[in-house]
Amino acid sequence: MSRYLPAEWALPAIDKFNADFFTSGRLMIQECASCGHLQHPPEEACGECQSMEFKGREASGSGTIYSYIIPHHAPSPILADRVPYVIALVSLDDYPQIRVIGNVLNADPDKVAIGQKVRVTFEKVDDPHSEAELLLPQWELV
């Protein structure tokens, strides 16, 4: 898959808290090893008990569009060729309290709506600043 956003667009900085999410090729949610609280985006401390020990919990990768935006004016000149595009906030089917943001690929922006079903897809991106292969979670309409 070619990169959805231009090569000049910033990539996430990978650390021990978010590496599973951005490199595993699976939709991984951060789970507190102490209390079991699930949270996203990955943080350095649990939002419930403040523990700093985590494990990953794999989500099914299916969800529902909770909200979305369609930029019609590029926020940066390097995105001028991409507008309009869809950025969605997706409520996961198996963990509805968890919402994950990402681009909706291969969809006519006029056909996207709240409540539509989506599934995760992973965009392979070469990052010259990281040894890890990035597999960015994105969404496709079901």
Protein backbone atom coordinates (compact mmCIF):
# COMPACT_ATOMS: atom_id res chain seq x y z
CA MET A 1 0.00 0.00 0.00
CA SER A 2 1.37 3.42 -0.85
CA ARG A 3 1.45 5.93 1.95
CA TYR A 4 -1.89 7.69 2.42
CA LEU A 5 -0.45 10.96 3.68
CA PRO A 6 2.59 12.53 2.01
CA ALA A 7 6.06 11.29 2.93
CA GLU A 8 6.82 14.69 4.50
CA TRP A 9 3.97 14.31 7.01
CA ALA A 10 5.16 13.67 10.58
CA LEU A 11 5.19 10.14 11.94
CA PRO A 12 4.60 9.10 15.55
CA ALA A 13 7.59 8.80 17.87
CA ILE A 14 7.78 5.17 19.02
CA ASP A 15 8.37 4.45 22.69
CA LYS A 16 7.86 1.49 25.03
CA PHE A 17 4.27 2.53 25.73
CA ASN A 18 3.02 2.79 22.14
CA ALA A 19 5.29 0.37 20.24
CA ASP A 20 2.69 -2.43 20.14
CA PHE A 21 0.07 -0.07 18.73
CA PHE A 22 2.29 1.25 15.92
CA THR A 23 4.44 -1.77 15.01
CA SER A 24 2.60 -5.04 15.70
CA GLY A 25 0.17 -5.05 12.78
CA ARG A 26 -2.58 -5.79 15.30
CA LEU A 27 -4.94 -3.32 16.96
CA MET A 28 -3.39 -3.32 20.44
CA ILE A 29 -4.99 -1.51 23.38
CA GLN A 30 -3.00 -0.66 26.50
CA GLU A 31 -4.10 -2.67 29.55
CA CYS A 32 -2.89 -1.90 33.07
CA ALA A 33 -1.09 -4.93 34.51
CA SER A 34 -2.17 -3.92 38.02
CA CYS A 35 -5.90 -3.12 37.74
CA GLY A 36 -6.88 -4.22 34.21
CA HIS A 37 -8.00 -0.75 33.09
CA LEU A 38 -7.99 -0.33 29.29
CA GLN A 39 -6.91 2.99 27.84
CA HIS A 40 -6.15 4.61 24.54
CA PRO A 41 -4.09 6.42 23.48
CA PRO A 42 -1.22 4.68 25.26
CA GLU A 43 0.04 6.64 28.25
CA GLU A 44 2.92 6.40 30.71
CA ALA A 45 0.61 5.85 33.69
CA CYS A 46 -2.71 4.11 34.20
CA GLY A 47 -5.59 6.56 34.32
CA GLU A 48 -7.22 4.57 37.14
CA CYS A 49 -4.45 3.46 39.52
CA GLN A 50 -1.36 5.32 38.19
CA SER A 51 0.59 2.08 37.73
CA MET A 52 3.28 2.25 35.07
CA GLU A 53 3.18 -1.46 34.19
CA PHE A 54 1.21 -2.45 31.10
CA LYS A 55 0.44 -5.30 28.79
CA GLY A 56 -1.31 -5.23 25.45
CA ARG A 57 -4.82 -6.46 24.73
CA GLU A 58 -5.66 -7.20 21.12
CA ALA A 59 -8.92 -5.77 19.79
CA SER A 60 -10.82 -7.41 16.95
CA GLY A 61 -10.23 -4.47 14.61
CA SER A 62 -13.89 -3.79 13.90
CA GLY A 63 -15.75 -0.70 15.01
CA THR A 64 -18.28 2.01 14.35
CA ILE A 65 -17.68 5.60 13.30
CA TYR A 66 -18.44 7.63 16.41
CA SER A 67 -17.49 10.99 14.87
CA TYR A 68 -15.53 12.27 11.90
CA ILE A 69 -14.25 15.37 10.16
CA ILE A 70 -13.56 16.09 6.52
CA PRO A 71 -10.87 18.71 5.99
CA HIS A 72 -11.59 20.68 2.82
CA HIS A 73 -8.75 23.15 3.32
CA ALA A 74 -5.29 21.73 3.81
CA PRO A 75 -3.85 22.50 7.26
CA SER A 76 -0.42 22.31 5.64
CA PRO A 77 0.70 22.90 2.04
CA ILE A 78 1.96 19.32 1.84
CA LEU A 79 -1.64 18.08 2.23
CA ALA A 80 -3.06 20.23 -0.58
CA ASP A 81 -3.31 17.24 -2.96
CA ARG A 82 -5.13 15.12 -0.34
CA VAL A 83 -8.15 17.27 0.54
CA PRO A 84 -10.87 16.39 1.09
CA TYR A 85 -10.10 13.35 3.25
CA VAL A 86 -11.81 11.70 6.22
CA ILE A 87 -10.47 11.46 9.76
CA ALA A 88 -12.68 9.25 11.94
CA LEU A 89 -13.01 8.59 15.65
CA VAL A 90 -13.94 4.91 15.85
CA SER A 91 -15.62 3.18 18.80
CA LEU A 92 -14.31 -0.39 18.94
CA ASP A 93 -16.91 -3.14 18.81
CA ASP A 94 -15.31 -5.27 21.52
CA TYR A 95 -14.30 -2.32 23.75
CA PRO A 96 -16.85 0.45 22.99
CA GLN A 97 -15.38 2.74 25.66
CA ILE A 98 -12.16 2.84 23.60
CA ARG A 99 -12.09 5.16 20.62
CA VAL A 100 -9.29 5.18 18.06
CA ILE A 101 -8.64 7.90 15.52
CA GLY A 102 -7.44 7.33 11.98
CA ASN A 103 -7.98 8.10 8.33
CA VAL A 104 -10.79 6.38 6.44
CA LEU A 105 -9.16 5.01 3.30
CA ASN A 106 -10.72 4.32 -0.08
CA ALA A 107 -13.99 6.08 0.73
CA ASP A 108 -15.87 8.90 -0.93
CA PRO A 109 -16.00 11.57 1.84
CA ASP A 110 -19.64 12.32 0.92
CA LYS A 111 -20.58 8.69 1.68
CA VAL A 112 -19.10 8.55 5.21
CA ALA A 113 -21.53 8.83 8.14
CA ILE A 114 -21.69 8.40 11.90
CA GLY A 115 -22.73 4.85 12.74
CA GLN A 116 -21.05 3.19 9.75
CA LYS A 117 -19.12 -0.01 10.37
CA VAL A 118 -15.37 0.03 9.71
CA ARG A 119 -12.47 -2.37 10.02
CA VAL A 120 -8.84 -1.65 10.70
CA THR A 121 -6.21 -1.89 8.01
CA PHE A 122 -2.52 -1.28 8.50
CA GLU A 123 -0.44 1.06 6.41
CA LYS A 124 3.21 0.04 6.19
CA VAL A 125 5.41 3.13 6.43
CA ASP A 126 9.18 3.37 6.29
CA ASP A 127 10.46 5.64 9.05
CA PRO A 128 14.07 6.72 8.55
CA HIS A 129 14.26 7.74 12.23
CA SER A 130 13.21 4.39 13.66
CA GLU A 131 14.52 0.84 13.47
CA ALA A 132 10.98 -0.50 13.79
CA GLU A 133 8.70 -0.93 10.80
CA LEU A 134 5.66 1.26 11.30
CA LEU A 135 2.25 -0.29 10.66
CA LEU A 136 -0.14 2.61 11.13
CA PRO A 137 -3.75 1.71 11.94
CA GLN A 138 -6.20 3.20 9.44
CA TRP A 139 -9.86 2.41 8.69
CA GLU A 140 -11.90 1.10 5.77
CA LEU A 141 -15.68 1.04 5.43
CA VAL A 142 -17.21 -2.43 5.74
